[in-house]
Amino acid sequence: MTLPIAYVLGLFLLALILFAWDYLYVDIVALLLLLALTVPGILTPSEALGGFGNDTLIVLISLFVMIVLNTL
């Protein structure tokens, strides 16, 4: 097992623990993981941010915004 694979596996296990522990919000954990993969060069910035242009993700973000605004 190479060092980058061990690093990603460790981040994956950390993410599972943080998701289960529910100490931080899920979106904050996801953004921190994205940052933790981009800074050391595991992902390029274009790979890391490429998913934000997906139409499905834009629809889901819009739905979350509508839900939050509806609860105010």
PDB file of N, CA and C in Angstrom:
ATOM      1  N   MET A   1       0.861  -1.171   0.000  1.00  0.00           N
ATOM      2  CA  MET A   1       0.000   0.000   0.000  1.00  0.00           C
ATOM      3  C   MET A   1       0.907   1.233   0.000  1.00  0.00           C
ATOM      4  N   THR A   2       0.630   2.110  -0.922  1.00  0.00           N
ATOM      5  CA  THR A   2       1.429   3.330  -1.022  1.00  0.00           C
ATOM      6  C   THR A   2       0.920   4.379  -0.034  1.00  0.00           C
ATOM      7  N   LEU A   3       1.722   5.411   0.162  1.00  0.00           N
ATOM      8  CA  LEU A   3       1.361   6.466   1.114  1.00  0.00           C
ATOM      9  C   LEU A   3       0.086   7.219   0.711  1.00  0.00           C
ATOM     10  N   PRO A   4      -0.100   7.600  -0.573  1.00  0.00           N
ATOM     11  CA  PRO A   4      -1.372   8.277  -0.923  1.00  0.00           C
ATOM     12  C   PRO A   4      -2.606   7.407  -0.695  1.00  0.00           C
ATOM     13  N   ILE A   5      -2.469   6.103  -0.936  1.00  0.00           N
ATOM     14  CA  ILE A   5      -3.618   5.220  -0.700  1.00  0.00           C
ATOM     15  C   ILE A   5      -3.935   5.149   0.788  1.00  0.00           C
ATOM     16  N   ALA A   6      -2.906   5.055   1.619  1.00  0.00           N
ATOM     17  CA  ALA A   6      -3.119   5.022   3.063  1.00  0.00           C
ATOM     18  C   ALA A   6      -3.715   6.341   3.551  1.00  0.00           C
ATOM     19  N   TYR A   7      -3.282   7.448   2.958  1.00  0.00           N
ATOM     20  CA  TYR A   7      -3.808   8.765   3.324  1.00  0.00           C
ATOM     21  C   TYR A   7      -5.302   8.862   3.008  1.00  0.00           C
ATOM     22  N   VAL A   8      -5.682   8.436   1.816  1.00  0.00           N
ATOM     23  CA  VAL A   8      -7.095   8.490   1.417  1.00  0.00           C
ATOM     24  C   VAL A   8      -7.924   7.534   2.265  1.00  0.00           C
ATOM     25  N   LEU A   9      -7.387   6.351   2.556  1.00  0.00           N
ATOM     26  CA  LEU A   9      -8.103   5.404   3.406  1.00  0.00           C
ATOM     27  C   LEU A   9      -8.298   5.969   4.810  1.00  0.00           C
ATOM     28  N   GLY A  10      -7.269   6.637   5.340  1.00  0.00           N
ATOM     29  CA  GLY A  10      -7.398   7.271   6.648  1.00  0.00           C
ATOM     30  C   GLY A  10      -8.434   8.376   6.652  1.00  0.00           C
ATOM     31  N   LEU A  11      -8.453   9.179   5.580  1.00  0.00           N
ATOM     32  CA  LEU A  11      -9.476  10.225   5.474  1.00  0.00           C
ATOM     33  C   LEU A  11     -10.875   9.631   5.374  1.00  0.00           C
ATOM     34  N   PHE A  12     -10.994   8.519   4.661  1.00  0.00           N
ATOM     35  CA  PHE A  12     -12.285   7.849   4.529  1.00  0.00           C
ATOM     36  C   PHE A  12     -12.783   7.367   5.893  1.00  0.00           C
ATOM     37  N   LEU A  13     -11.900   6.752   6.658  1.00  0.00           N
ATOM     38  CA  LEU A  13     -12.287   6.283   7.988  1.00  0.00           C
ATOM     39  C   LEU A  13     -12.611   7.453   8.917  1.00  0.00           C
ATOM     40  N   LEU A  14     -11.830   8.522   8.815  1.00  0.00           N
ATOM     41  CA  LEU A  14     -12.119   9.724   9.608  1.00  0.00           C
ATOM     42  C   LEU A  14     -13.479  10.311   9.241  1.00  0.00           C
ATOM     43  N   ALA A  15     -13.793  10.319   7.954  1.00  0.00           N
ATOM     44  CA  ALA A  15     -15.093  10.837   7.513  1.00  0.00           C
ATOM     45  C   ALA A  15     -16.229   9.982   8.057  1.00  0.00           C
ATOM     46  N   LEU A  16     -16.066   8.672   8.020  1.00  0.00           N
ATOM     47  CA  LEU A  16     -17.106   7.797   8.560  1.00  0.00           C
ATOM     48  C   LEU A  16     -17.323   8.051  10.048  1.00  0.00           C
ATOM     49  N   ILE A  17     -16.226   8.234  10.773  1.00  0.00           N
ATOM     50  CA  ILE A  17     -16.339   8.494  12.207  1.00  0.00           C
ATOM     51  C   ILE A  17     -17.025   9.838  12.451  1.00  0.00           C
ATOM     52  N   LEU A  18     -16.636  10.862  11.698  1.00  0.00           N
ATOM     53  CA  LEU A  18     -17.246  12.179  11.885  1.00  0.00           C
ATOM     54  C   LEU A  18     -18.712  12.190  11.474  1.00  0.00           C
ATOM     55  N   PHE A  19     -19.058  11.446  10.409  1.00  0.00           N
ATOM     56  CA  PHE A  19     -20.465  11.362  10.014  1.00  0.00           C
ATOM     57  C   PHE A  19     -21.279  10.650  11.085  1.00  0.00           C
ATOM     58  N   ALA A  20     -20.737   9.584  11.667  1.00  0.00           N
ATOM     59  CA  ALA A  20     -21.463   8.822  12.683  1.00  0.00           C
ATOM     60  C   ALA A  20     -21.526   9.581  14.006  1.00  0.00           C
ATOM     61  N   TRP A  21     -20.472  10.305  14.338  1.00  0.00           N
ATOM     62  CA  TRP A  21     -20.394  11.034  15.597  1.00  0.00           C
ATOM     63  C   TRP A  21     -21.317  12.241  15.583  1.00  0.00           C
ATOM     64  N   ASP A  22     -21.523  12.823  14.405  1.00  0.00           N
ATOM     65  CA  ASP A  22     -22.430  13.951  14.197  1.00  0.00           C
ATOM     66  C   ASP A  22     -22.037  15.171  15.028  1.00  0.00           C
ATOM     67  N   TYR A  23     -20.742  15.367  15.228  1.00  0.00           N
ATOM     68  CA  TYR A  23     -20.260  16.542  15.949  1.00  0.00           C
ATOM     69  C   TYR A  23     -20.216  17.761  15.033  1.00  0.00           C
ATOM     70  N   LEU A  24     -19.825  17.555  13.780  1.00  0.00           N
ATOM     71  CA  LEU A  24     -19.811  18.607  12.776  1.00  0.00           C
ATOM     72  C   LEU A  24     -20.921  18.336  11.763  1.00  0.00           C
ATOM     73  N   TYR A  25     -21.338  19.387  11.095  1.00  0.00           N
ATOM     74  CA  TYR A  25     -22.330  19.208  10.042  1.00  0.00           C
ATOM     75  C   TYR A  25     -21.724  18.410   8.887  1.00  0.00           C
ATOM     76  N   VAL A  26     -22.572  17.694   8.174  1.00  0.00           N
ATOM     77  CA  VAL A  26     -22.123  16.836   7.089  1.00  0.00           C
ATOM     78  C   VAL A  26     -21.456  17.649   5.985  1.00  0.00           C
ATOM     79  N   ASP A  27     -21.995  18.804   5.649  1.00  0.00           N
ATOM     80  CA  ASP A  27     -21.410  19.595   4.574  1.00  0.00           C
ATOM     81  C   ASP A  27     -20.050  20.161   4.960  1.00  0.00           C
ATOM     82  N   ILE A  28     -19.852  20.478   6.231  1.00  0.00           N
ATOM     83  CA  ILE A  28     -18.546  20.968   6.678  1.00  0.00           C
ATOM     84  C   ILE A  28     -17.511  19.847   6.602  1.00  0.00           C
ATOM     85  N   VAL A  29     -17.901  18.647   7.003  1.00  0.00           N
ATOM     86  CA  VAL A  29     -16.986  17.503   6.912  1.00  0.00           C
ATOM     87  C   VAL A  29     -16.622  17.239   5.457  1.00  0.00           C
ATOM     88  N   ALA A  30     -17.595  17.305   4.569  1.00  0.00           N
ATOM     89  CA  ALA A  30     -17.325  17.057   3.155  1.00  0.00           C
ATOM     90  C   ALA A  30     -16.382  18.107   2.571  1.00  0.00           C
ATOM     91  N   LEU A  31     -16.582  19.357   2.924  1.00  0.00           N
ATOM     92  CA  LEU A  31     -15.681  20.401   2.422  1.00  0.00           C
ATOM     93  C   LEU A  31     -14.286  20.284   3.013  1.00  0.00           C
ATOM     94  N   LEU A  32     -14.184  19.886   4.276  1.00  0.00           N
ATOM     95  CA  LEU A  32     -12.869  19.671   4.871  1.00  0.00           C
ATOM     96  C   LEU A  32     -12.145  18.497   4.201  1.00  0.00           C
ATOM     97  N   LEU A  33     -12.886  17.454   3.869  1.00  0.00           N
ATOM     98  CA  LEU A  33     -12.282  16.329   3.153  1.00  0.00           C
ATOM     99  C   LEU A  33     -11.831  16.739   1.760  1.00  0.00           C
ATOM    100  N   LEU A  34     -12.614  17.541   1.108  1.00  0.00           N
ATOM    101  CA  LEU A  34     -12.226  18.044  -0.210  1.00  0.00           C
ATOM    102  C   LEU A  34     -10.950  18.861  -0.114  1.00  0.00           C
ATOM    103  N   LEU A  35     -10.853  19.679   0.906  1.00  0.00           N
ATOM    104  CA  LEU A  35      -9.646  20.470   1.139  1.00  0.00           C
ATOM    105  C   LEU A  35      -8.459  19.574   1.494  1.00  0.00           C
ATOM    106  N   ALA A  36      -8.713  18.541   2.303  1.00  0.00           N
ATOM    107  CA  ALA A  36      -7.642  17.627   2.712  1.00  0.00           C
ATOM    108  C   ALA A  36      -7.133  16.788   1.542  1.00  0.00           C
ATOM    109  N   LEU A  37      -7.930  16.614   0.525  1.00  0.00           N
ATOM    110  CA  LEU A  37      -7.474  15.889  -0.663  1.00  0.00           C
ATOM    111  C   LEU A  37      -6.827  16.810  -1.682  1.00  0.00           C
ATOM    112  N   THR A  38      -7.157  18.078  -1.674  1.00  0.00           N
ATOM    113  CA  THR A  38      -6.630  19.017  -2.661  1.00  0.00           C
ATOM    114  C   THR A  38      -5.277  19.582  -2.249  1.00  0.00           C
ATOM    115  N   VAL A  39      -5.119  19.937  -0.985  1.00  0.00           N
ATOM    116  CA  VAL A  39      -3.886  20.594  -0.529  1.00  0.00           C
ATOM    117  C   VAL A  39      -2.640  19.729  -0.748  1.00  0.00           C
ATOM    118  N   PRO A  40      -2.646  18.440  -0.388  1.00  0.00           N
ATOM    119  CA  PRO A  40      -1.425  17.658  -0.623  1.00  0.00           C
ATOM    120  C   PRO A  40      -1.234  17.213  -2.075  1.00  0.00           C
ATOM    121  N   GLY A  41      -2.195  17.465  -2.938  1.00  0.00           N
ATOM    122  CA  GLY A  41      -2.046  17.141  -4.346  1.00  0.00           C
ATOM    123  C   GLY A  41      -2.630  15.803  -4.759  1.00  0.00           C
ATOM    124  N   ILE A  42      -3.448  15.188  -3.911  1.00  0.00           N
ATOM    125  CA  ILE A  42      -4.120  13.945  -4.286  1.00  0.00           C
ATOM    126  C   ILE A  42      -5.091  14.226  -5.423  1.00  0.00           C
ATOM    127  N   LEU A  43      -5.818  15.323  -5.318  1.00  0.00           N
ATOM    128  CA  LEU A  43      -6.714  15.787  -6.374  1.00  0.00           C
ATOM    129  C   LEU A  43      -6.229  17.138  -6.888  1.00  0.00           C
ATOM    130  N   THR A  44      -6.416  17.371  -8.169  1.00  0.00           N
ATOM    131  CA  THR A  44      -6.153  18.700  -8.705  1.00  0.00           C
ATOM    132  C   THR A  44      -7.355  19.587  -8.386  1.00  0.00           C
ATOM    133  N   PRO A  45      -7.184  20.898  -8.371  1.00  0.00           N
ATOM    134  CA  PRO A  45      -8.341  21.766  -8.107  1.00  0.00           C
ATOM    135  C   PRO A  45      -9.479  21.566  -9.104  1.00  0.00           C
ATOM    136  N   SER A  46      -9.166  21.299 -10.359  1.00  0.00           N
ATOM    137  CA  SER A  46     -10.243  21.075 -11.337  1.00  0.00           C
ATOM    138  C   SER A  46     -10.984  19.776 -11.051  1.00  0.00           C
ATOM    139  N   GLU A  47     -10.282  18.741 -10.586  1.00  0.00           N
ATOM    140  CA  GLU A  47     -10.959  17.502 -10.209  1.00  0.00           C
ATOM    141  C   GLU A  47     -11.795  17.694  -8.951  1.00  0.00           C
ATOM    142  N   ALA A  48     -11.266  18.448  -8.006  1.00  0.00           N
ATOM    143  CA  ALA A  48     -11.968  18.646  -6.738  1.00  0.00           C
ATOM    144  C   ALA A  48     -13.242  19.460  -6.910  1.00  0.00           C
ATOM    145  N   LEU A  49     -13.200  20.459  -7.765  1.00  0.00           N
ATOM    146  CA  LEU A  49     -14.355  21.336  -7.941  1.00  0.00           C
ATOM    147  C   LEU A  49     -15.207  20.963  -9.148  1.00  0.00           C
ATOM    148  N   GLY A  50     -14.823  19.936  -9.867  1.00  0.00           N
ATOM    149  CA  GLY A  50     -15.547  19.540 -11.076  1.00  0.00           C
ATOM    150  C   GLY A  50     -16.968  19.086 -10.825  1.00  0.00           C
ATOM    151  N   GLY A  51     -17.228  18.502  -9.673  1.00  0.00           N
ATOM    152  CA  GLY A  51     -18.569  18.004  -9.389  1.00  0.00           C
ATOM    153  C   GLY A  51     -19.585  19.087  -9.114  1.00  0.00           C
ATOM    154  N   PHE A  52     -19.127  20.295  -8.794  1.00  0.00           N
ATOM    155  CA  PHE A  52     -20.061  21.372  -8.482  1.00  0.00           C
ATOM    156  C   PHE A  52     -20.780  21.893  -9.719  1.00  0.00           C
ATOM    157  N   GLY A  53     -20.327  21.544 -10.903  1.00  0.00           N
ATOM    158  CA  GLY A  53     -20.996  21.970 -12.126  1.00  0.00           C
ATOM    159  C   GLY A  53     -22.039  20.991 -12.610  1.00  0.00           C
ATOM    160  N   ASN A  54     -22.232  19.902 -11.898  1.00  0.00           N
ATOM    161  CA  ASN A  54     -23.202  18.889 -12.282  1.00  0.00           C
ATOM    162  C   ASN A  54     -24.623  19.416 -12.062  1.00  0.00           C
ATOM    163  N   ASP A  55     -25.492  19.178 -13.032  1.00  0.00           N
ATOM    164  CA  ASP A  55     -26.878  19.674 -12.941  1.00  0.00           C
ATOM    165  C   ASP A  55     -27.623  19.083 -11.750  1.00  0.00           C
ATOM    166  N   THR A  56     -27.393  17.820 -11.456  1.00  0.00           N
ATOM    167  CA  THR A  56     -28.080  17.179 -10.339  1.00  0.00           C
ATOM    168  C   THR A  56     -27.706  17.827  -9.021  1.00  0.00           C
ATOM    169  N   LEU A  57     -26.447  18.145  -8.856  1.00  0.00           N
ATOM    170  CA  LEU A  57     -26.000  18.784  -7.631  1.00  0.00           C
ATOM    171  C   LEU A  57     -26.598  20.181  -7.481  1.00  0.00           C
ATOM    172  N   ILE A  58     -26.709  20.900  -8.564  1.00  0.00           N
ATOM    173  CA  ILE A  58     -27.306  22.241  -8.518  1.00  0.00           C
ATOM    174  C   ILE A  58     -28.777  22.155  -8.116  1.00  0.00           C
ATOM    175  N   VAL A  59     -29.488  21.159  -8.613  1.00  0.00           N
ATOM    176  CA  VAL A  59     -30.896  20.968  -8.238  1.00  0.00           C
ATOM    177  C   VAL A  59     -31.005  20.622  -6.758  1.00  0.00           C
ATOM    178  N   LEU A  60     -30.129  19.736  -6.261  1.00  0.00           N
ATOM    179  CA  LEU A  60     -30.180  19.365  -4.848  1.00  0.00           C
ATOM    180  C   LEU A  60     -29.850  20.551  -3.941  1.00  0.00           C
ATOM    181  N   ILE A  61     -28.861  21.333  -4.306  1.00  0.00           N
ATOM    182  CA  ILE A  61     -28.537  22.524  -3.513  1.00  0.00           C
ATOM    183  C   ILE A  61     -29.712  23.490  -3.507  1.00  0.00           C
ATOM    184  N   SER A  62     -30.371  23.643  -4.638  1.00  0.00           N
ATOM    185  CA  SER A  62     -31.538  24.524  -4.710  1.00  0.00           C
ATOM    186  C   SER A  62     -32.665  24.024  -3.809  1.00  0.00           C
ATOM    187  N   LEU A  63     -32.857  22.707  -3.783  1.00  0.00           N
ATOM    188  CA  LEU A  63     -33.888  22.148  -2.903  1.00  0.00           C
ATOM    189  C   LEU A  63     -33.551  22.376  -1.440  1.00  0.00           C
ATOM    190  N   PHE A  64     -32.286  22.199  -1.066  1.00  0.00           N
ATOM    191  CA  PHE A  64     -31.890  22.451   0.318  1.00  0.00           C
ATOM    192  C   PHE A  64     -32.098  23.915   0.693  1.00  0.00           C
ATOM    193  N   VAL A  65     -31.797  24.819  -0.219  1.00  0.00           N
ATOM    194  CA  VAL A  65     -32.008  26.244   0.053  1.00  0.00           C
ATOM    195  C   VAL A  65     -33.487  26.523   0.238  1.00  0.00           C
ATOM    196  N   MET A  66     -34.340  25.921  -0.593  1.00  0.00           N
ATOM    197  CA  MET A  66     -35.779  26.138  -0.463  1.00  0.00           C
ATOM    198  C   MET A  66     -36.301  25.580   0.862  1.00  0.00           C
ATOM    199  N   ILE A  67     -35.772  24.439   1.288  1.00  0.00           N
ATOM    200  CA  ILE A  67     -36.200  23.849   2.567  1.00  0.00           C
ATOM    201  C   ILE A  67     -35.789  24.752   3.725  1.00  0.00           C
ATOM    202  N   VAL A  68     -34.566  25.259   3.680  1.00  0.00           N
ATOM    203  CA  VAL A  68     -34.087  26.123   4.763  1.00  0.00           C
ATOM    204  C   VAL A  68     -34.890  27.418   4.789  1.00  0.00           C
ATOM    205  N   LEU A  69     -35.154  27.999   3.647  1.00  0.00           N
ATOM    206  CA  LEU A  69     -35.928  29.238   3.606  1.00  0.00           C
ATOM    207  C   LEU A  69     -37.369  29.010   4.039  1.00  0.00           C
ATOM    208  N   ASN A  70     -37.900  27.821   3.798  1.00  0.00           N
ATOM    209  CA  ASN A  70     -39.260  27.514   4.178  1.00  0.00           C
ATOM    210  C   ASN A  70     -39.387  27.352   5.693  1.00  0.00           C
ATOM    211  N   THR A  71     -38.315  26.938   6.366  1.00  0.00           N
ATOM    212  CA  THR A  71     -38.387  26.757   7.816  1.00  0.00           C
ATOM    213  C   THR A  71     -38.190  28.071   8.572  1.00  0.00           C
ATOM    214  N   LEU A  72     -37.761  29.130   7.909  1.00  0.00           N
ATOM    215  CA  LEU A  72     -37.543  30.406   8.612  1.00  0.00           C
ATOM    216  C   LEU A  72     -38.833  31.120   8.898  1.00  0.00           C
TER     217      LEU A  72
END
